[in-house]
């Protein structure tokens, strides 16, 4: 009798359009809607944001630093983070699907209680991060 070996499921990468319009992060992005879609946020500092139930879809964050931010119950779908600093960011109780984190600093990031599917972490520093019940 031979045992069948189960193949590990293939992790789907974020589905991003080939070209993304560069967005400037400012308060008006969140004032108009609680959803930000189809864009590139690059080389910016995002600080002091405390929002719940936001939706980020089809976004790429590149070289972005998040300082003193809390995005509880956020929905991240088809999002890439490249060389970003999300140290001590609160993403607890969130939905995180098809997300790729590459070469990011995630020290003390909190994703406890989140649903995480088809998500990869490559070359990230995540000491003291909380993934409990995720």
N, C-alpha and C. Protein backbone atom coordinates (compact mmCIF):
# COMPACT_ATOMS: atom_id res chain seq x y z
N UNK A 1 0.84 -1.19 0.00
CA UNK A 1 0.00 0.00 0.00
C UNK A 1 0.88 1.24 0.00
N UNK A 2 0.56 2.11 -0.87
CA UNK A 2 1.33 3.36 -0.90
C UNK A 2 0.48 4.49 -0.32
N UNK A 3 1.16 5.32 0.39
CA UNK A 3 0.48 6.48 0.98
C UNK A 3 0.44 7.61 -0.04
N UNK A 4 -0.67 8.27 -0.07
CA UNK A 4 -0.75 9.44 -0.93
C UNK A 4 -0.17 10.63 -0.17
N UNK A 5 0.70 11.32 -0.84
CA UNK A 5 1.30 12.50 -0.24
C UNK A 5 0.49 13.71 -0.69
N UNK A 6 0.01 14.43 0.29
CA UNK A 6 -0.75 15.64 -0.03
C UNK A 6 0.21 16.74 -0.44
N UNK A 7 -0.13 17.40 -1.50
CA UNK A 7 0.67 18.54 -1.93
C UNK A 7 0.24 19.76 -1.13
N UNK A 8 1.22 20.55 -0.79
CA UNK A 8 0.91 21.79 -0.09
C UNK A 8 0.15 22.70 -1.05
N UNK A 9 -0.87 23.37 -0.56
CA UNK A 9 -1.61 24.27 -1.44
C UNK A 9 -0.71 25.40 -1.93
N UNK A 10 -0.90 25.79 -3.16
CA UNK A 10 -0.11 26.88 -3.72
C UNK A 10 -0.65 28.21 -3.20
N UNK A 11 0.25 29.03 -2.72
CA UNK A 11 -0.14 30.33 -2.19
C UNK A 11 -0.27 31.30 -3.35
N UNK A 12 -1.43 31.92 -3.46
CA UNK A 12 -1.68 32.86 -4.55
C UNK A 12 -1.04 34.20 -4.22
N UNK A 13 -0.35 34.75 -5.21
CA UNK A 13 0.25 36.07 -5.04
C UNK A 13 -0.83 37.15 -5.19
N UNK A 14 -0.53 38.34 -4.70
CA UNK A 14 -1.48 39.44 -4.90
C UNK A 14 -1.73 39.66 -6.39
N UNK A 15 -2.97 39.89 -6.74
CA UNK A 15 -3.36 40.13 -8.13
C UNK A 15 -3.43 41.64 -8.34
N UNK A 16 -2.31 42.20 -8.83
CA UNK A 16 -2.23 43.64 -9.03
C UNK A 16 -2.21 43.96 -10.52
N UNK A 17 -2.79 45.09 -10.92
CA UNK A 17 -2.70 45.50 -12.31
C UNK A 17 -1.24 45.79 -12.68
N UNK A 18 -0.88 45.68 -13.96
CA UNK A 18 0.52 45.92 -14.36
C UNK A 18 1.00 47.33 -14.06
N UNK A 19 0.11 48.29 -14.11
CA UNK A 19 0.49 49.68 -13.81
C UNK A 19 -0.44 50.22 -12.73
N UNK A 20 0.18 50.82 -11.73
CA UNK A 20 -0.58 51.41 -10.64
C UNK A 20 -0.31 52.90 -10.59
N UNK A 21 -1.34 53.68 -10.41
CA UNK A 21 -1.19 55.13 -10.28
C UNK A 21 -0.61 55.44 -8.91
N UNK A 22 0.40 56.32 -8.88
CA UNK A 22 1.00 56.69 -7.61
C UNK A 22 0.05 57.62 -6.85
N UNK A 23 -0.17 57.29 -5.59
CA UNK A 23 -1.07 58.05 -4.73
C UNK A 23 -0.27 58.77 -3.65
N UNK A 24 -0.66 59.99 -3.34
CA UNK A 24 -0.09 60.70 -2.19
C UNK A 24 -0.98 60.42 -1.00
N UNK A 25 -0.37 59.95 0.08
CA UNK A 25 -1.15 59.66 1.28
C UNK A 25 -1.40 60.98 2.00
N UNK A 26 -2.66 61.32 2.16
CA UNK A 26 -3.03 62.44 3.00
C UNK A 26 -4.42 62.16 3.56
N UNK A 27 -4.88 63.03 4.41
CA UNK A 27 -6.15 62.79 5.10
C UNK A 27 -7.32 62.65 4.12
N UNK A 28 -7.24 63.30 2.97
CA UNK A 28 -8.35 63.25 2.02
C UNK A 28 -8.57 61.85 1.47
N UNK A 29 -7.54 61.02 1.44
CA UNK A 29 -7.72 59.64 0.99
C UNK A 29 -8.73 58.90 1.86
N UNK A 30 -8.72 59.18 3.15
CA UNK A 30 -9.63 58.49 4.07
C UNK A 30 -10.94 59.25 4.28
N UNK A 31 -10.96 60.54 4.01
CA UNK A 31 -12.18 61.32 4.23
C UNK A 31 -13.27 60.95 3.23
N UNK A 32 -12.87 60.73 1.98
CA UNK A 32 -13.85 60.47 0.94
C UNK A 32 -14.48 59.09 1.08
N UNK A 33 -13.66 58.09 1.35
CA UNK A 33 -14.15 56.72 1.47
C UNK A 33 -13.32 55.97 2.49
N UNK A 34 -13.85 54.85 2.90
CA UNK A 34 -13.09 53.98 3.80
C UNK A 34 -12.40 52.89 3.01
N UNK A 35 -12.27 53.11 1.70
CA UNK A 35 -11.65 52.12 0.83
C UNK A 35 -10.61 52.83 -0.05
N UNK A 36 -9.44 52.23 -0.13
CA UNK A 36 -8.41 52.72 -1.04
C UNK A 36 -8.05 51.57 -1.95
N UNK A 37 -8.10 51.81 -3.26
CA UNK A 37 -7.89 50.74 -4.23
C UNK A 37 -6.99 51.20 -5.37
N UNK A 38 -6.36 50.21 -6.01
CA UNK A 38 -5.64 50.40 -7.26
C UNK A 38 -4.65 51.56 -7.22
N UNK A 39 -3.60 51.41 -6.43
CA UNK A 39 -2.62 52.48 -6.38
C UNK A 39 -1.29 52.03 -5.82
N UNK A 40 -0.31 52.92 -5.98
CA UNK A 40 1.04 52.74 -5.45
C UNK A 40 1.29 53.86 -4.46
N UNK A 41 1.64 53.51 -3.25
CA UNK A 41 2.01 54.49 -2.23
C UNK A 41 3.48 54.26 -1.96
N UNK A 42 4.30 55.27 -2.27
CA UNK A 42 5.75 55.07 -2.32
C UNK A 42 6.49 56.15 -1.53
N UNK A 43 7.50 55.70 -0.76
CA UNK A 43 8.43 56.59 -0.07
C UNK A 43 7.73 57.68 0.74
N UNK A 44 6.78 57.26 1.56
CA UNK A 44 6.05 58.21 2.39
C UNK A 44 6.06 57.76 3.85
N UNK A 45 5.78 58.69 4.73
CA UNK A 45 5.61 58.39 6.15
C UNK A 45 4.14 58.60 6.48
N UNK A 46 3.52 57.56 7.01
CA UNK A 46 2.12 57.62 7.41
C UNK A 46 2.12 57.55 8.93
N UNK A 47 1.65 58.60 9.58
CA UNK A 47 1.75 58.61 11.04
C UNK A 47 0.46 59.02 11.72
N UNK A 48 0.28 58.40 12.89
CA UNK A 48 -0.81 58.77 13.78
C UNK A 48 -2.21 58.39 13.31
N UNK A 49 -2.32 57.49 12.35
CA UNK A 49 -3.65 57.09 11.85
C UNK A 49 -4.22 56.03 12.79
N UNK A 50 -5.43 56.27 13.26
CA UNK A 50 -6.14 55.31 14.10
C UNK A 50 -7.52 55.12 13.48
N UNK A 51 -7.64 54.12 12.63
CA UNK A 51 -8.88 53.87 11.90
C UNK A 51 -9.26 52.41 12.03
N UNK A 52 -10.54 52.14 11.97
CA UNK A 52 -11.06 50.77 11.98
C UNK A 52 -11.89 50.55 10.72
N UNK A 53 -11.93 49.30 10.32
CA UNK A 53 -12.78 48.85 9.21
C UNK A 53 -12.47 49.54 7.89
N UNK A 54 -11.21 49.77 7.62
CA UNK A 54 -10.80 50.27 6.31
C UNK A 54 -10.64 49.10 5.36
N UNK A 55 -10.59 49.40 4.08
CA UNK A 55 -10.37 48.37 3.07
C UNK A 55 -9.28 48.84 2.12
N UNK A 56 -8.20 48.07 2.04
CA UNK A 56 -7.12 48.34 1.09
C UNK A 56 -7.11 47.20 0.10
N UNK A 57 -7.33 47.51 -1.18
CA UNK A 57 -7.36 46.48 -2.21
C UNK A 57 -6.50 46.89 -3.40
N UNK A 58 -5.76 45.91 -3.91
CA UNK A 58 -4.91 46.11 -5.08
C UNK A 58 -4.00 47.32 -4.91
N UNK A 59 -3.25 47.31 -3.80
CA UNK A 59 -2.31 48.39 -3.50
C UNK A 59 -0.90 47.83 -3.36
N UNK A 60 0.06 48.68 -3.66
CA UNK A 60 1.46 48.35 -3.41
C UNK A 60 2.04 49.49 -2.57
N UNK A 61 2.58 49.12 -1.41
CA UNK A 61 3.27 50.07 -0.54
C UNK A 61 4.76 49.81 -0.72
N UNK A 62 5.51 50.83 -1.07
CA UNK A 62 6.94 50.66 -1.32
C UNK A 62 7.72 51.72 -0.55
N UNK A 63 8.58 51.27 0.36
CA UNK A 63 9.39 52.20 1.13
C UNK A 63 8.58 53.10 2.05
N UNK A 64 7.45 52.61 2.54
CA UNK A 64 6.56 53.40 3.39
C UNK A 64 6.82 53.07 4.86
N UNK A 65 6.86 54.10 5.69
CA UNK A 65 7.01 53.93 7.13
C UNK A 65 5.68 54.29 7.80
N UNK A 66 5.19 53.37 8.62
CA UNK A 66 3.96 53.60 9.38
C UNK A 66 4.38 53.86 10.83
N UNK A 67 4.05 55.04 11.35
CA UNK A 67 4.42 55.39 12.72
C UNK A 67 3.17 55.64 13.56
N UNK A 68 3.09 54.98 14.72
CA UNK A 68 1.97 55.15 15.65
C UNK A 68 0.62 54.97 14.96
N UNK A 69 0.49 53.89 14.19
CA UNK A 69 -0.74 53.63 13.44
C UNK A 69 -1.49 52.42 13.99
N UNK A 70 -2.80 52.50 13.94
CA UNK A 70 -3.67 51.39 14.31
C UNK A 70 -4.73 51.23 13.22
N UNK A 71 -4.74 50.06 12.60
CA UNK A 71 -5.72 49.75 11.55
C UNK A 71 -6.48 48.49 11.95
N UNK A 72 -7.12 48.51 13.09
CA UNK A 72 -7.87 47.33 13.55
C UNK A 72 -9.00 47.02 12.58
N UNK A 73 -9.24 45.74 12.40
CA UNK A 73 -10.32 45.23 11.55
C UNK A 73 -10.22 45.73 10.11
N UNK A 74 -9.01 45.92 9.64
CA UNK A 74 -8.80 46.33 8.26
C UNK A 74 -8.95 45.13 7.34
N UNK A 75 -9.28 45.38 6.11
CA UNK A 75 -9.32 44.33 5.10
C UNK A 75 -8.21 44.62 4.09
N UNK A 76 -7.23 43.72 4.03
CA UNK A 76 -6.14 43.83 3.06
C UNK A 76 -6.31 42.70 2.05
N UNK A 77 -6.57 43.05 0.80
CA UNK A 77 -6.75 42.05 -0.25
C UNK A 77 -5.93 42.47 -1.46
N UNK A 78 -5.08 41.56 -1.94
CA UNK A 78 -4.21 41.82 -3.09
C UNK A 78 -3.35 43.06 -2.83
N UNK A 79 -2.53 42.97 -1.77
CA UNK A 79 -1.67 44.08 -1.36
C UNK A 79 -0.23 43.58 -1.24
N UNK A 80 0.71 44.42 -1.67
CA UNK A 80 2.14 44.15 -1.51
C UNK A 80 2.76 45.23 -0.63
N UNK A 81 3.61 44.79 0.29
CA UNK A 81 4.42 45.70 1.09
C UNK A 81 5.87 45.39 0.75
N UNK A 82 6.62 46.36 0.26
CA UNK A 82 8.01 46.15 -0.12
C UNK A 82 8.89 47.19 0.57
N UNK A 83 9.82 46.70 1.38
CA UNK A 83 10.75 47.55 2.13
C UNK A 83 10.02 48.60 2.96
N UNK A 84 8.97 48.17 3.64
CA UNK A 84 8.18 49.05 4.50
C UNK A 84 8.51 48.79 5.97
N UNK A 85 8.23 49.77 6.81
CA UNK A 85 8.40 49.64 8.25
C UNK A 85 7.02 49.73 8.90
N UNK A 86 6.54 48.60 9.40
CA UNK A 86 5.25 48.53 10.08
C UNK A 86 5.45 48.18 11.55
N UNK A 87 6.56 48.58 12.13
CA UNK A 87 6.85 48.27 13.52
C UNK A 87 5.77 48.82 14.44
N UNK A 88 5.27 47.96 15.32
CA UNK A 88 4.26 48.30 16.32
C UNK A 88 2.91 48.73 15.75
N UNK A 89 2.65 48.42 14.50
CA UNK A 89 1.34 48.72 13.91
C UNK A 89 0.34 47.67 14.38
N UNK A 90 -0.87 48.11 14.70
CA UNK A 90 -1.94 47.21 15.15
C UNK A 90 -2.85 46.86 13.98
N UNK A 91 -2.80 45.61 13.54
CA UNK A 91 -3.68 45.09 12.49
C UNK A 91 -4.56 43.98 13.05
N UNK A 92 -4.84 44.03 14.33
CA UNK A 92 -5.58 42.93 14.97
C UNK A 92 -7.00 42.82 14.42
N UNK A 93 -7.51 41.58 14.47
CA UNK A 93 -8.87 41.26 14.04
C UNK A 93 -9.15 41.67 12.59
N UNK A 94 -8.15 41.52 11.74
CA UNK A 94 -8.26 41.93 10.35
C UNK A 94 -8.44 40.75 9.41
N UNK A 95 -8.72 41.06 8.16
CA UNK A 95 -8.76 40.06 7.09
C UNK A 95 -7.59 40.36 6.18
N UNK A 96 -6.68 39.40 6.06
CA UNK A 96 -5.46 39.60 5.29
C UNK A 96 -5.37 38.47 4.27
N UNK A 97 -5.72 38.77 3.01
CA UNK A 97 -5.75 37.76 1.95
C UNK A 97 -4.91 38.22 0.76
N UNK A 98 -4.14 37.30 0.23
CA UNK A 98 -3.30 37.57 -0.95
C UNK A 98 -2.40 38.77 -0.70
N UNK A 99 -1.63 38.71 0.36
CA UNK A 99 -0.73 39.80 0.74
C UNK A 99 0.69 39.28 0.75
N UNK A 100 1.61 40.09 0.24
CA UNK A 100 3.02 39.73 0.23
C UNK A 100 3.80 40.81 0.96
N UNK A 101 4.59 40.39 1.94
CA UNK A 101 5.45 41.28 2.71
C UNK A 101 6.88 40.91 2.33
N UNK A 102 7.63 41.85 1.72
CA UNK A 102 9.00 41.55 1.32
C UNK A 102 9.95 42.59 1.90
N UNK A 103 10.98 42.08 2.57
CA UNK A 103 12.04 42.92 3.12
C UNK A 103 11.47 44.04 4.00
N UNK A 104 10.48 43.69 4.82
CA UNK A 104 9.83 44.67 5.69
C UNK A 104 10.29 44.52 7.14
N UNK A 105 10.17 45.60 7.87
CA UNK A 105 10.44 45.61 9.30
C UNK A 105 9.08 45.55 10.00
N UNK A 106 8.83 44.44 10.70
CA UNK A 106 7.52 44.19 11.32
C UNK A 106 7.65 44.00 12.83
N UNK A 107 8.62 44.63 13.44
CA UNK A 107 8.89 44.46 14.86
C UNK A 107 7.68 44.87 15.69
N UNK A 108 7.15 43.95 16.48
CA UNK A 108 6.04 44.26 17.37
C UNK A 108 4.70 44.46 16.68
N UNK A 109 4.60 44.13 15.41
CA UNK A 109 3.32 44.26 14.70
C UNK A 109 2.31 43.29 15.31
N UNK A 110 1.07 43.72 15.45
CA UNK A 110 0.03 42.90 16.06
C UNK A 110 -1.01 42.50 15.01
N UNK A 111 -1.06 41.21 14.68
CA UNK A 111 -2.10 40.69 13.77
C UNK A 111 -2.92 39.62 14.48
N UNK A 112 -2.93 39.64 15.80
CA UNK A 112 -3.67 38.62 16.55
C UNK A 112 -5.16 38.71 16.23
N UNK A 113 -5.77 37.54 16.16
CA UNK A 113 -7.19 37.45 15.87
C UNK A 113 -7.55 37.68 14.42
N UNK A 114 -6.56 37.82 13.56
CA UNK A 114 -6.81 38.08 12.14
C UNK A 114 -6.97 36.78 11.36
N UNK A 115 -7.67 36.87 10.24
CA UNK A 115 -7.76 35.76 9.29
C UNK A 115 -6.71 36.02 8.23
N UNK A 116 -5.75 35.10 8.11
CA UNK A 116 -4.64 35.28 7.18
C UNK A 116 -4.64 34.12 6.20
N UNK A 117 -4.78 34.43 4.90
CA UNK A 117 -4.78 33.39 3.87
C UNK A 117 -3.96 33.87 2.68
N UNK A 118 -3.27 32.92 2.05
CA UNK A 118 -2.47 33.20 0.86
C UNK A 118 -1.57 34.42 1.08
N UNK A 119 -0.81 34.38 2.16
CA UNK A 119 0.05 35.48 2.56
C UNK A 119 1.47 34.98 2.76
N UNK A 120 2.45 35.74 2.26
CA UNK A 120 3.85 35.34 2.41
C UNK A 120 4.65 36.47 3.07
N UNK A 121 5.66 36.04 3.81
CA UNK A 121 6.61 36.94 4.45
C UNK A 121 7.99 36.53 3.95
N UNK A 122 8.67 37.39 3.21
CA UNK A 122 9.98 37.07 2.66
C UNK A 122 10.99 38.11 3.11
N UNK A 123 12.03 37.66 3.78
CA UNK A 123 13.10 38.56 4.19
C UNK A 123 12.68 39.62 5.19
N UNK A 124 11.67 39.32 5.99
CA UNK A 124 11.15 40.30 6.95
C UNK A 124 11.74 40.08 8.34
N UNK A 125 11.82 41.15 9.08
CA UNK A 125 12.25 41.10 10.47
C UNK A 125 10.99 41.29 11.32
N UNK A 126 10.58 40.23 12.03
CA UNK A 126 9.30 40.27 12.74
C UNK A 126 9.43 39.88 14.21
N UNK A 127 10.56 40.20 14.83
CA UNK A 127 10.73 39.91 16.25
C UNK A 127 9.63 40.62 17.06
N UNK A 128 9.15 39.94 18.07
CA UNK A 128 8.15 40.47 19.01
C UNK A 128 6.79 40.75 18.36
N UNK A 129 6.55 40.26 17.17
CA UNK A 129 5.24 40.42 16.54
C UNK A 129 4.25 39.44 17.16
N UNK A 130 2.98 39.80 17.17
CA UNK A 130 1.95 38.96 17.77
C UNK A 130 1.04 38.39 16.69
N UNK A 131 1.10 37.05 16.55
CA UNK A 131 0.26 36.34 15.58
C UNK A 131 -0.74 35.43 16.29
N UNK A 132 -0.99 35.64 17.57
CA UNK A 132 -1.87 34.77 18.34
C UNK A 132 -3.27 34.67 17.76
N UNK A 133 -3.75 33.45 17.63
CA UNK A 133 -5.08 33.14 17.12
C UNK A 133 -5.30 33.66 15.71
N UNK A 134 -4.22 33.88 14.97
CA UNK A 134 -4.35 34.34 13.57
C UNK A 134 -4.42 33.13 12.67
